[in-house]
Protein backbone atom coordinates (compact mmCIF):
# COMPACT_ATOMS: atom_id res chain seq x y z
CA MET A 1 10.31 29.24 126.45
CA SER A 2 10.61 32.89 126.42
CA GLY A 3 7.01 33.31 127.47
CA LEU A 4 8.08 31.00 130.32
CA LEU A 5 10.99 32.94 131.22
CA SER A 6 8.76 36.26 131.11
CA MET A 7 6.01 34.67 133.42
CA LEU A 8 9.20 33.72 136.02
CA ASP A 9 10.53 37.13 135.71
CA PHE A 10 6.41 38.52 136.45
CA ALA A 11 6.37 36.26 139.76
CA GLY A 12 9.96 37.00 140.66
CA TYR A 13 9.48 40.83 140.73
CA VAL A 14 5.80 40.53 142.33
CA ALA A 15 7.87 38.62 145.11
CA LEU A 16 10.34 41.78 145.44
CA LEU A 17 7.33 43.79 145.67
CA LEU A 18 5.60 41.77 148.52
CA TRP A 19 8.73 41.64 150.19
CA GLY A 20 9.46 45.35 150.13
CA VAL A 21 5.74 46.12 151.38
CA HIS A 22 6.82 43.49 154.12
CA MET A 23 9.89 45.31 154.97
CA VAL A 24 8.25 48.57 155.16
CA GLN A 25 5.42 47.46 157.73
CA THR A 26 8.22 45.33 159.96
CA GLY A 27 10.33 48.04 160.28
CA VAL A 28 7.66 50.59 161.22
CA GLN A 29 6.46 48.06 163.50
CA ARG A 30 9.70 47.52 165.25
CA ALA A 31 10.48 51.48 165.38
CA PHE A 32 7.11 52.64 166.80
CA GLY A 33 5.06 49.89 167.66
CA ALA A 34 4.92 50.47 171.47
CA ALA A 35 4.25 54.06 171.01
CA LEU A 36 1.85 53.82 168.42
CA SER A 37 0.06 50.88 170.30
CA ALA A 38 0.08 53.36 173.39
CA ALA A 39 -1.26 56.18 171.51
CA LEU A 40 -4.13 53.53 170.01
CA GLY A 41 -5.33 52.73 173.44
CA ARG A 42 -5.46 56.39 174.80
CA ALA A 43 -7.57 57.30 171.42
CA LEU A 44 -10.24 54.45 171.84
CA GLY A 45 -12.48 56.33 173.77
CA THR A 46 -15.30 57.24 171.23
CA ARG A 47 -15.88 56.34 167.54
CA ALA A 48 -14.73 59.46 166.13
CA ARG A 49 -11.59 59.54 167.88
CA ALA A 50 -11.04 55.70 167.16
CA PHE A 51 -11.60 56.12 163.43
CA VAL A 52 -9.18 58.90 163.30
CA ALA A 53 -6.44 56.66 165.50
CA GLY A 54 -6.97 53.74 163.21
CA LEU A 55 -6.36 55.82 159.65
CA GLY A 56 -3.39 57.76 161.46
CA ILE A 57 -1.67 54.75 163.13
CA THR A 58 -2.21 52.20 159.97
CA ALA A 59 -0.85 55.24 157.86
CA ALA A 60 2.41 54.68 159.49
CA LEU A 61 2.33 50.78 159.91
CA GLN A 62 0.69 50.08 156.77
CA SER A 63 -0.95 47.20 157.85
CA SER A 64 -4.48 47.06 158.85
CA THR A 65 -3.89 43.68 160.22
CA ALA A 66 -1.25 45.14 162.61
CA THR A 67 -3.63 47.68 163.85
CA GLY A 68 -6.59 44.88 163.96
CA LEU A 69 -4.26 43.12 166.55
CA MET A 70 -3.92 45.65 168.69
CA ILE A 71 -7.62 46.72 168.86
CA THR A 72 -8.55 43.35 169.08
CA GLY A 73 -6.17 43.13 172.05
CA PHE A 74 -7.40 45.87 173.72
CA ALA A 75 -11.40 44.77 173.09
CA ALA A 76 -10.52 41.15 174.32
CA GLY A 77 -8.87 42.85 177.78
CA GLY A 78 -12.26 44.75 178.19
CA VAL A 79 -10.37 48.39 177.84
CA VAL A 80 -12.35 48.85 174.62
CA GLY A 81 -15.91 48.48 173.57
CA LEU A 82 -16.79 46.78 170.28
CA VAL A 83 -18.40 50.06 169.03
CA PRO A 84 -14.99 52.00 168.83
CA ALA A 85 -13.38 49.10 167.99
CA LEU A 86 -15.25 48.63 164.79
CA ALA A 87 -14.61 52.28 164.15
CA ALA A 88 -11.07 52.25 164.43
CA MET A 89 -10.97 49.50 162.00
CA LEU A 90 -13.20 51.37 159.68
CA GLY A 91 -10.23 54.43 160.07
CA ALA A 92 -7.69 51.49 159.26
CA ASN A 93 -8.98 50.58 156.07
CA VAL A 94 -8.94 54.18 155.13
CA GLY A 95 -5.39 54.43 156.23
CA THR A 96 -3.96 51.72 154.04
CA THR A 97 -4.98 53.47 151.02
CA LEU A 98 -2.78 56.63 151.95
CA ILE A 99 0.52 55.02 150.61
CA VAL A 100 -1.56 53.75 147.36
CA GLN A 101 -1.93 57.29 146.72
CA LEU A 102 1.77 58.03 147.17
CA LEU A 103 2.82 55.18 144.98
CA SER A 104 0.53 56.22 142.04
CA PHE A 105 2.91 59.03 141.28
CA ASP A 106 6.10 58.10 139.37
CA LEU A 107 8.93 57.54 142.30
CA THR A 108 11.19 55.34 140.74
CA SER A 109 14.39 57.87 140.86
CA LEU A 110 14.10 57.83 144.53
CA ALA A 111 15.09 54.00 144.65
CA PRO A 112 18.55 54.07 144.97
CA LEU A 113 18.96 56.58 147.18
CA LEU A 114 16.39 55.11 149.49
CA ILE A 115 18.21 51.94 149.24
CA LEU A 116 21.52 53.16 149.97
CA ALA A 117 20.51 55.14 153.01
CA GLY A 118 18.52 52.37 154.23
CA VAL A 119 21.34 49.75 154.01
CA TRP A 120 24.02 52.40 155.56
CA MET A 121 21.21 52.88 158.67
CA PHE A 122 21.02 48.86 158.76
CA ARG A 123 24.71 48.06 158.98
CA ARG A 124 25.82 51.19 161.27
CA TYR A 125 23.43 51.17 163.90
CA PRO A 126 22.88 48.30 166.49
CA PRO A 127 19.38 46.98 166.71
CA GLY A 128 17.13 49.98 167.51
CA ARG A 129 14.84 52.28 165.88
CA THR A 130 17.31 54.29 163.38
CA ARG A 131 18.07 50.65 162.19
CA ASP A 132 14.40 49.79 162.01
CA LEU A 133 14.07 52.81 159.71
CA GLY A 134 16.97 51.84 157.94
CA ARG A 135 14.66 48.65 157.04
CA VAL A 136 12.11 50.78 155.87
CA PHE A 137 13.92 52.65 153.42
CA ILE A 138 15.11 49.58 152.13
CA GLY A 139 11.74 47.93 151.89
CA LEU A 140 10.46 51.35 150.17
CA GLY A 141 13.52 51.32 147.63
CA LEU A 142 12.97 47.57 146.55
CA LEU A 143 9.17 48.33 146.68
CA LEU A 144 9.94 51.22 143.88
CA MET A 145 12.17 48.95 142.09
CA ALA A 146 10.02 46.21 141.32
CA LEU A 147 7.23 48.79 140.46
CA HIS A 148 9.36 49.74 138.02
CA ALA A 149 10.66 46.61 136.50
CA LEU A 150 6.85 45.30 136.19
CA VAL A 151 6.01 48.70 134.29
CA GLU A 152 9.02 47.49 131.85
CA LEU A 153 7.84 43.78 131.69
CA PHE A 154 3.91 44.40 131.04
CA GLU A 155 4.60 45.08 127.50
CA PRO A 156 5.61 41.88 126.30
CA LEU A 157 3.58 39.96 128.52
CA GLU A 158 0.18 41.67 126.76
CA GLN A 159 0.89 39.71 123.79
CA ALA A 160 1.07 36.23 126.03
CA PRO A 161 -1.75 33.89 125.00
CA LEU A 162 -2.60 32.49 128.83
CA LEU A 163 -2.85 36.05 130.03
CA SER A 164 -5.04 37.28 127.54
CA VAL A 165 -7.29 34.26 127.93
CA ILE A 166 -7.48 35.12 131.57
CA LEU A 167 -7.80 38.93 130.99
CA GLN A 168 -11.01 38.22 128.27
CA SER A 169 -12.75 35.99 131.19
CA LEU A 170 -12.12 38.66 133.80
CA ALA A 171 -13.49 41.73 131.52
CA SER A 172 -17.02 39.72 130.89
CA GLN A 173 -16.61 38.15 134.94
CA PRO A 174 -16.27 41.13 137.37
CA VAL A 175 -17.29 38.73 140.33
CA LEU A 176 -14.19 36.04 138.96
CA ALA A 177 -12.10 39.43 139.07
CA VAL A 178 -13.04 40.10 142.41
CA LEU A 179 -12.85 36.44 143.91
CA LEU A 180 -8.97 36.26 141.94
CA ALA A 181 -7.91 39.37 143.57
CA ALA A 182 -9.26 38.52 146.90
CA ALA A 183 -7.41 35.01 147.17
CA LEU A 184 -4.22 37.03 145.63
CA THR A 185 -4.50 39.45 148.73
CA TRP A 186 -5.10 36.95 151.13
CA ALA A 187 -2.24 34.85 150.11
CA ALA A 188 0.11 38.04 149.87
CA HIS A 189 -1.11 39.30 153.46
CA SER A 190 -1.14 42.74 151.61
CA SER A 191 -3.82 44.74 149.65
CA VAL A 192 -1.11 47.40 149.35
CA ALA A 193 1.05 45.17 147.44
CA VAL A 194 -1.88 44.08 145.26
CA VAL A 195 -3.27 47.09 144.73
CA VAL A 196 -0.14 48.86 143.55
CA LEU A 197 0.21 45.66 141.03
CA ILE A 198 -3.09 46.47 139.61
CA MET A 199 -1.99 50.28 139.28
CA SER A 200 1.41 49.00 137.20
CA LEU A 201 -1.31 46.32 135.44
CA VAL A 202 -3.65 49.26 134.55
CA SER A 203 -0.86 51.72 133.63
CA GLN A 204 0.57 49.62 130.69
CA GLN A 205 -2.98 48.97 129.39
CA VAL A 206 -2.71 45.15 130.26
CA VAL A 207 -6.19 45.85 131.85
CA SER A 208 -9.11 48.08 131.42
CA VAL A 209 -10.00 50.59 134.21
CA ASP A 210 -12.98 48.42 135.12
CA VAL A 211 -11.24 45.49 135.51
CA ALA A 212 -8.95 46.94 137.76
CA MET A 213 -11.41 48.66 139.64
CA ALA A 214 -13.30 44.85 140.23
CA LEU A 215 -9.47 43.89 141.14
CA VAL A 216 -9.31 46.36 143.63
CA LEU A 217 -12.67 45.48 145.45
CA GLY A 218 -11.53 42.02 145.43
CA ALA A 219 -8.20 43.18 147.19
CA ASN A 220 -10.69 45.28 149.86
CA LEU A 221 -12.50 41.86 150.61
CA GLY A 222 -9.23 39.78 151.00
CA THR A 223 -7.62 42.07 153.27
CA ALA A 224 -10.70 41.54 155.49
CA VAL A 225 -10.53 37.70 155.20
CA ASN A 226 -6.80 37.05 156.75
CA PRO A 227 -8.03 38.46 160.04
CA MET A 228 -11.02 36.43 160.16
CA ILE A 229 -9.58 33.05 159.01
CA GLU A 230 -5.86 33.45 160.84
CA GLY A 231 -6.03 36.21 163.32
CA VAL A 232 -8.80 34.72 165.64
CA THR A 233 -7.32 32.28 168.44
CA GLY A 234 -9.31 30.30 171.02
CA ASP A 235 -12.89 28.87 170.90
CA ASP A 236 -14.85 32.15 172.36
CA PRO A 237 -16.94 33.11 169.64
CA ALA A 238 -16.74 37.00 171.28
CA ALA A 239 -13.57 37.18 169.62
CA ARG A 240 -14.66 36.77 166.02
CA ARG A 241 -16.84 39.94 166.56
CA LEU A 242 -14.39 42.04 165.56
CA PRO A 243 -13.09 40.44 162.65
CA LEU A 244 -16.29 39.41 161.22
CA GLY A 245 -18.06 42.84 161.32
CA ASN A 246 -14.86 44.25 159.60
CA LEU A 247 -15.69 41.63 156.92
CA LEU A 248 -18.94 41.63 156.47
CA THR A 249 -18.51 45.80 155.94
CA ARG A 250 -16.31 44.76 153.05
CA VAL A 251 -18.87 42.41 151.88
CA ALA A 252 -21.41 44.71 151.91
CA GLY A 253 -19.20 47.54 150.18
CA VAL A 254 -17.79 44.79 147.42
CA LEU A 255 -21.43 43.91 146.78
CA ALA A 256 -22.70 47.71 146.70
CA GLY A 257 -19.37 48.39 144.31
CA LEU A 258 -20.35 45.53 141.81
CA ILE A 259 -23.64 46.82 141.06
CA LEU A 260 -22.64 50.54 141.00
CA LEU A 261 -19.48 49.43 138.78
CA PRO A 262 -20.85 50.47 135.46
CA TYR A 263 -21.65 53.77 136.51
CA ILE A 264 -18.84 54.33 138.67
CA GLY A 265 -16.23 53.46 136.00
CA PRO A 266 -17.13 56.50 133.69
CA LEU A 267 -17.27 59.17 136.59
CA MET A 268 -13.80 58.39 138.13
CA ALA A 269 -12.27 58.31 134.25
CA LYS A 270 -13.79 62.25 134.16
CA LEU A 271 -12.36 63.11 136.96
CA GLU A 272 -8.50 61.66 136.53
CA THR A 273 -6.84 60.86 132.96
CA ASP A 274 -4.01 58.86 134.52
CA PRO A 275 -5.49 55.17 135.15
CA SER A 276 -3.11 54.26 137.63
CA ARG A 277 -4.38 57.30 139.29
CA VAL A 278 -7.84 56.26 138.82
CA VAL A 279 -7.40 53.09 140.41
CA ALA A 280 -5.52 54.81 143.62
CA ASN A 281 -8.80 57.32 143.43
CA PHE A 282 -11.38 54.58 143.46
CA HIS A 283 -9.72 52.50 146.13
CA THR A 284 -9.50 55.88 148.57
CA ALA A 285 -13.02 56.45 147.67
CA PHE A 286 -14.21 52.91 148.02
CA ASN A 287 -12.93 52.84 151.75
CA ILE A 288 -13.77 56.24 152.56
CA VAL A 289 -17.71 55.68 151.11
CA VAL A 290 -17.72 52.28 153.52
CA ALA A 291 -16.71 54.47 156.61
CA LEU A 292 -19.35 57.14 155.98
CA VAL A 293 -22.36 54.71 155.59
CA PHE A 294 -21.20 52.56 158.40
CA LEU A 295 -20.37 55.10 161.32
CA PRO A 296 -23.45 56.08 162.15
CA LEU A 297 -24.92 52.40 162.32
CA LEU A 298 -22.34 50.83 164.45
CA THR A 299 -24.21 50.83 167.58
CA PRO A 300 -27.13 48.63 166.17
CA TYR A 301 -24.60 46.93 164.23
CA GLY A 302 -22.23 46.11 167.18
CA ALA A 303 -25.49 44.95 169.32
CA LEU A 304 -25.91 42.43 166.50
CA LEU A 305 -22.96 41.02 166.30
CA SER A 306 -22.92 40.49 169.94
CA ARG A 307 -26.07 38.81 169.95
CA TRP A 308 -24.96 36.62 166.92
CA LEU A 309 -21.56 35.88 169.04
CA PRO A 310 -22.36 35.81 172.72
CA LYS A 311 -19.20 35.56 175.09
CA ARG A 312 -18.61 32.29 176.30
CA SER A 313 -17.59 32.00 179.88
CA ASP A 314 -15.20 29.21 180.96
CA PRO A 315 -14.27 29.46 184.38
CA ASN A 316 -13.03 25.57 184.55
CA ASP A 317 -10.27 26.30 182.00
CA PRO A 318 -8.04 29.31 183.39
CA ALA A 319 -5.08 27.70 181.78
CA ARG A 320 -6.00 29.19 178.31
CA PRO A 321 -4.18 32.01 177.39
CA GLN A 322 -6.05 34.98 176.44
CA TYR A 323 -3.80 37.22 175.24
CA LEU A 324 -0.79 35.64 173.89
CA ASP A 325 -1.38 36.21 170.24
CA GLU A 326 0.62 34.50 167.49
CA TRP A 327 0.15 37.35 164.89
CA ALA A 328 1.66 39.69 167.26
CA HIS A 329 5.35 38.25 166.55
CA ASP A 330 6.56 40.34 163.79
CA MET A 331 5.74 43.34 166.44
CA PRO A 332 8.07 42.80 169.24
CA ALA A 333 6.68 45.60 171.39
CA VAL A 334 2.65 44.28 170.93
CA ALA A 335 3.99 40.75 171.66
CA LEU A 336 5.94 41.90 174.71
CA GLY A 337 2.80 43.80 175.70
CA ASN A 338 0.42 40.65 175.52
CA ALA A 339 3.03 38.44 177.63
CA ARG A 340 2.95 41.04 180.48
CA ARG A 341 -0.98 41.10 180.23
CA GLU A 342 -0.79 37.44 180.45
CA ALA A 343 1.77 37.64 183.25
CA LEU A 344 -0.81 39.68 185.36
CA ARG A 345 -3.45 37.21 185.04
CA MET A 346 -1.15 34.67 186.91
CA THR A 347 -0.86 37.15 189.99
CA ASP A 348 -4.73 37.55 190.08
CA MET A 349 -4.41 33.34 190.11
CA LEU A 350 -1.83 33.59 192.75
CA GLN A 351 -3.89 36.06 195.08
CA THR A 352 -6.87 33.64 194.75
CA LEU A 353 -4.46 30.77 195.97
CA LEU A 354 -3.46 33.08 198.94
CA LEU A 355 -7.28 33.90 199.74
CA TYR A 356 -8.06 30.21 199.96
CA ALA A 357 -5.10 29.70 202.10
CA ARG A 358 -6.04 32.62 204.52
CA ALA A 359 -9.84 31.17 204.43
CA GLY A 360 -8.50 27.71 205.23
CA PHE A 361 -6.48 28.70 208.29
CA LYS A 362 -9.81 29.96 209.64
CA ARG A 363 -12.70 27.29 208.63
CA ASP A 364 -13.06 23.98 206.95
CA ASN A 365 -12.50 24.82 203.26
CA ARG A 366 -12.09 21.39 201.64
CA HIS A 367 -14.42 21.92 198.66
CA ARG A 368 -12.18 24.76 197.44
CA MET A 369 -8.91 22.35 196.89
CA VAL A 370 -10.25 21.27 193.42
CA GLN A 371 -10.34 24.86 192.24
CA ALA A 372 -6.92 25.26 193.97
CA ARG A 373 -5.41 22.33 192.24
CA GLN A 374 -6.56 23.55 189.07
CA LEU A 375 -5.30 27.27 189.54
CA ASP A 376 -1.82 25.80 190.43
CA SER A 377 -2.07 23.50 187.31
CA ALA A 378 -3.05 26.41 185.05
CA LEU A 379 -0.48 28.49 186.72
CA ASP A 380 2.23 26.08 185.40
CA LYS A 381 1.07 25.98 181.92
CA LEU A 382 0.54 30.02 181.47
CA GLU A 383 4.32 30.30 182.68
CA ASN A 384 5.18 27.48 180.07
CA ALA A 385 2.80 29.45 177.42
CA ILE A 386 4.38 32.66 178.42
CA THR A 387 7.71 31.33 178.23
CA THR A 388 7.57 29.54 174.81
CA TYR A 389 5.77 32.77 173.49
CA ILE A 390 8.51 35.38 174.14
CA ALA A 391 11.36 32.75 173.46
CA THR A 392 9.96 32.40 169.88
CA LEU A 393 10.48 36.28 169.22
CA ASP A 394 13.39 37.85 166.60
CA GLN A 395 16.28 37.84 168.92
CA GLU A 396 18.04 39.96 166.29
CA ASN A 397 15.46 42.56 166.16
CA LEU A 398 14.55 43.34 169.24
CA THR A 399 15.91 46.40 170.86
CA GLN A 400 17.91 47.02 174.14
CA GLU A 401 14.78 48.25 175.86
CA ASP A 402 12.57 45.23 174.26
CA ARG A 403 15.25 42.90 175.95
CA GLN A 404 15.11 44.58 179.30
CA GLN A 405 11.35 43.91 179.09
CA LEU A 406 11.81 40.31 178.15
CA ASP A 407 14.03 39.57 180.93
CA SER A 408 11.54 41.10 183.59
CA ILE A 409 8.98 39.58 182.23
CA LEU A 410 10.40 36.01 182.45
CA ALA A 411 11.71 36.87 186.04
CA PHE A 412 8.53 37.96 186.86
CA THR A 413 6.22 34.87 185.70
CA SER A 414 9.02 32.56 186.76
CA ASN A 415 8.82 33.99 190.25
CA VAL A 416 5.12 34.05 190.64
CA GLY A 417 5.22 30.63 189.22
CA HIS A 418 7.10 29.60 192.25
CA ALA A 419 5.06 31.71 194.41
CA ALA A 420 2.33 29.86 193.68
CA ASP A 421 3.76 26.32 194.23
CA ILE A 422 4.37 27.42 197.75
CA ALA A 423 1.17 28.32 198.13
CA PHE A 424 -0.34 25.30 196.80
CA HIS A 425 1.86 22.80 197.91
CA GLY A 426 2.90 24.39 201.43
CA LEU A 427 0.39 26.39 202.70
CA LEU A 428 -2.60 24.32 201.57
CA GLY A 429 -0.77 21.27 202.03
CA HIS A 430 -0.23 22.45 205.79
CA ILE A 431 -3.87 23.14 206.24
CA SER A 432 -4.72 19.42 205.11
CA ARG A 433 -2.22 18.17 207.66
CA LEU A 434 -3.69 20.11 210.66
CA ARG A 435 -7.17 18.56 209.88
CA LYS A 436 -5.76 15.23 209.22
CA GLN A 437 -3.75 14.85 212.35
CA GLY A 438 -5.98 17.00 214.49
CA LEU A 439 -3.50 19.67 215.23
CA LEU A 440 -4.65 23.01 217.15
CA LEU A 441 -2.67 25.97 216.61
CA SER A 442 -3.06 28.76 219.47
CA PRO A 443 -5.21 31.63 219.24
CA GLU A 444 -2.20 33.96 218.86
CA GLN A 445 -0.56 31.91 216.28
CA ARG A 446 -3.61 31.84 214.13
CA ALA A 447 -4.09 35.25 214.44
CA HIS A 448 -0.51 36.24 213.14
CA ILE A 449 -1.26 33.84 210.48
CA ASP A 450 -4.14 35.87 209.30
CA ASP A 451 -2.42 38.86 209.54
CA THR A 452 0.89 38.02 207.76
CA LEU A 453 -1.43 36.34 204.87
CA ALA A 454 -3.06 39.99 204.72
CA ALA A 455 0.21 41.39 204.48
CA LEU A 456 1.41 39.04 201.67
CA VAL A 457 -1.80 39.60 199.48
CA ALA A 458 -0.97 43.08 199.71
CA ASN A 459 2.40 42.73 198.75
CA GLN A 460 1.36 40.60 196.06
CA ARG A 461 -0.90 43.16 194.48
CA GLN A 462 1.80 45.96 195.20
CA ALA A 463 4.13 43.21 192.89
CA ALA A 464 1.62 43.19 190.24
CA ALA A 465 1.36 47.06 190.56
CA LEU A 466 5.25 47.58 190.70
CA PHE A 467 5.58 45.40 187.40
CA VAL A 468 3.18 47.95 185.40
CA ASN A 469 4.48 51.03 186.60
CA ASP A 470 8.29 50.84 187.47
CA ASP A 471 8.22 52.86 190.63
CA LEU A 472 11.79 52.91 192.51
CA ARG A 473 10.01 54.18 195.59
CA GLN A 474 7.63 51.23 195.81
CA ALA A 475 10.31 48.93 194.61
CA ARG A 476 12.26 50.09 197.71
CA ALA A 477 9.30 49.32 199.83
CA LEU A 478 8.66 46.26 198.34
CA ALA A 479 12.33 44.95 199.00
CA GLY A 480 12.23 45.78 202.45
CA GLU A 481 8.92 43.56 203.21
CA LYS A 482 12.11 40.53 203.06
CA SER A 483 13.65 41.96 206.45
CA ARG A 484 10.16 42.10 208.11
CA PHE A 485 9.61 38.40 206.97
CA ARG A 486 13.24 37.34 208.01
CA ALA A 487 12.51 39.19 211.32
CA MET A 488 9.38 37.52 211.60
CA GLU A 489 10.41 34.03 211.25
CA ALA A 490 13.61 34.71 213.86
CA GLU A 491 11.12 35.42 216.60
CA ALA A 492 8.51 32.74 215.89
CA ALA A 493 11.69 30.16 216.21
CA GLU A 494 13.11 31.88 219.10
CA ALA A 495 9.38 31.64 220.80
CA HIS A 496 9.15 27.73 220.05
CA LEU A 497 12.45 26.97 221.23
CA HIS A 498 11.72 28.95 224.38
CA LYS A 499 8.62 26.67 224.61
CA ILE A 500 10.12 23.62 224.08
CA LYS A 501 12.65 24.57 226.81
CA GLY A 502 9.98 25.55 229.32
CA GLY A 503 8.54 22.03 229.11
CA GLU A 504 5.91 22.44 226.79
CA VAL A 505 6.32 19.69 225.12
CA ASP A 506 2.79 18.86 223.84
CA ALA A 507 2.85 21.77 221.48
CA ALA A 508 6.22 20.98 219.78
CA GLU A 509 4.60 19.23 216.69
CA ALA A 510 2.09 22.49 216.26
CA GLY A 511 4.82 25.03 216.97
CA ALA A 512 6.94 22.95 214.42
CA LEU A 513 3.83 23.06 211.99
CA TYR A 514 3.66 26.77 212.73
CA LEU A 515 6.90 27.64 211.79
CA ASP A 516 7.08 25.63 208.55
CA ILE A 517 3.75 27.77 207.43
CA LEU A 518 5.86 31.01 208.57
CA ARG A 519 8.67 29.43 206.40
CA ASP A 520 6.68 28.62 203.26
CA MET A 521 5.11 32.70 203.54
CA LYS A 522 8.71 33.73 203.79
CA GLY A 523 9.38 32.31 200.86
CA ILE A 524 6.28 33.34 198.77
CA ASN A 525 7.23 37.01 199.86
CA SER A 526 10.86 36.47 199.04
CA HIS A 527 9.61 35.30 195.19
CA LEU A 528 7.39 38.35 194.77
CA VAL A 529 10.04 40.73 195.75
CA GLY A 530 12.46 38.89 192.99
CA ALA A 531 9.58 39.11 190.51
CA ALA A 532 8.84 43.06 190.64
CA ALA A 533 11.12 44.74 192.74
CA TYR A 534 14.83 43.41 192.42
CA PRO A 535 14.79 43.51 188.63
CA LEU A 536 13.62 47.27 188.39
CA LEU A 537 16.41 47.98 191.49
CA ALA A 538 19.25 46.19 189.66
CA ARG A 539 18.50 48.16 186.51
CA HIS A 540 18.63 51.35 188.30
CA GLY A 541 21.97 50.21 190.17
CA GLU A 542 20.36 49.98 193.72
CA LEU A 543 21.21 46.28 194.52
CA LEU A 544 24.49 45.19 196.33
CA PRO A 545 26.49 42.21 194.52
CA SER A 546 26.42 40.31 198.16
CA ARG A 547 24.82 40.63 201.55
CA LEU A 548 28.62 39.55 202.63
CA ARG A 549 30.56 42.58 204.38
CA ASP A 550 33.96 42.94 202.75
CA ALA A 551 36.48 40.92 204.23
CA ASN A 552 39.32 43.65 203.34
CA ALA A 553 37.32 46.66 203.69
CA ASP A 554 39.35 46.90 207.71
């Protein structure tokens, strides 16, 4: 019975260790995720800079998976090539070893102070960077407490018969040790936690240094399995290049490590007498050596991966989200960035619909109606996907800035979706009506429609740019377009009325349709203004609550 209770205690302390690591990772991601993502995007130019950026950012996040999600997003969007992305992943693997080096020293006495400071910051401040740093301090304190409890627990566990049998089998079967540690790391989603646990085992002589090194190899393998199995979305083989490339470098390193393990163990023991420090040093050395070996080979290696996994283009399925990565949900800043990039895809589709309409008023383009119908359906699906994606974010931990971004994304996607509906069902529907009923617009009307559609496309592009850069001057200019479109409709309505009064009854039906076309274009423009200009102007207090004149002003 006592042995069972000891095993339950062991499992509980391991769970506390994992939770502590999770709190540290999520706290840093929420506090600095946007800034770190921006810094990573700027650094992914050459393999050397990418390696350093991956190392530094992963050292801060303590999650190579989180860094890999950022890098994969950049690579999927064509912002970064495969070779710098692979270099950044090599740096990320080295970055995860730094906290292991720190935790190889006895810092147990800091645990109460860290938890006290963290709880005070978490309870005292609203959602934001300070509160997230409080989460980091709480996680570090829990992590240190779990390590201390595990050290105290390992001495009686060493005498447990079941554990003795397992350890004896691992001592003679290093491959089994690698597989066991890889499975545990995959389940824990954290190589840091598993390596720290191995350090605790070896410090109490529960396992030998050689077995501990084999377990460390398995932890390095397991952390590369996670992104490969769970981090790849969609069916495009090209999306698997980066996680597969990272996994294969891990496999090659582990195989070489297993072969050299009988020679490495004595060498590492000569350099350091503390067993836990030996494990930490081996973990760091392994990742550094793998990085040094593969960095010069990344160009042919990337070409090989590209040949194995060619990009699959699927132009007939525009509704499939390209950037809504579910694994970014723990990083609101990254998730909102993904949603923003997907929303920009909607503006590209809207532009295509507007260009179809512009071409349709000039010539017969019935063959484009199938593509237009697919785009309209895709826009509806993308709008729903983006809304669902950001609605499932943890609202409690969103900062005020995150909430503003979330609201602006929702407003943008909703307005773009409505504009696309008007473009397809309105403008393209009017083109079909003109053709079926044999109605003819005057040359002046056709020229005016063409000019207005050109202005509408320009406003669509300006709205997309404004969604990214938050330029107040551009927002005022785009909002001013509403007055121009309103005046255009009023002028056309008055001209139409004069024609009817003047006896031009034959032109009444075509003129009424012409007015409907102008009203739809005005509606599209209004949605573009509501998508990008009004939210920004409202945040800066530049919108009046109503256009009505105050009756009590006089």
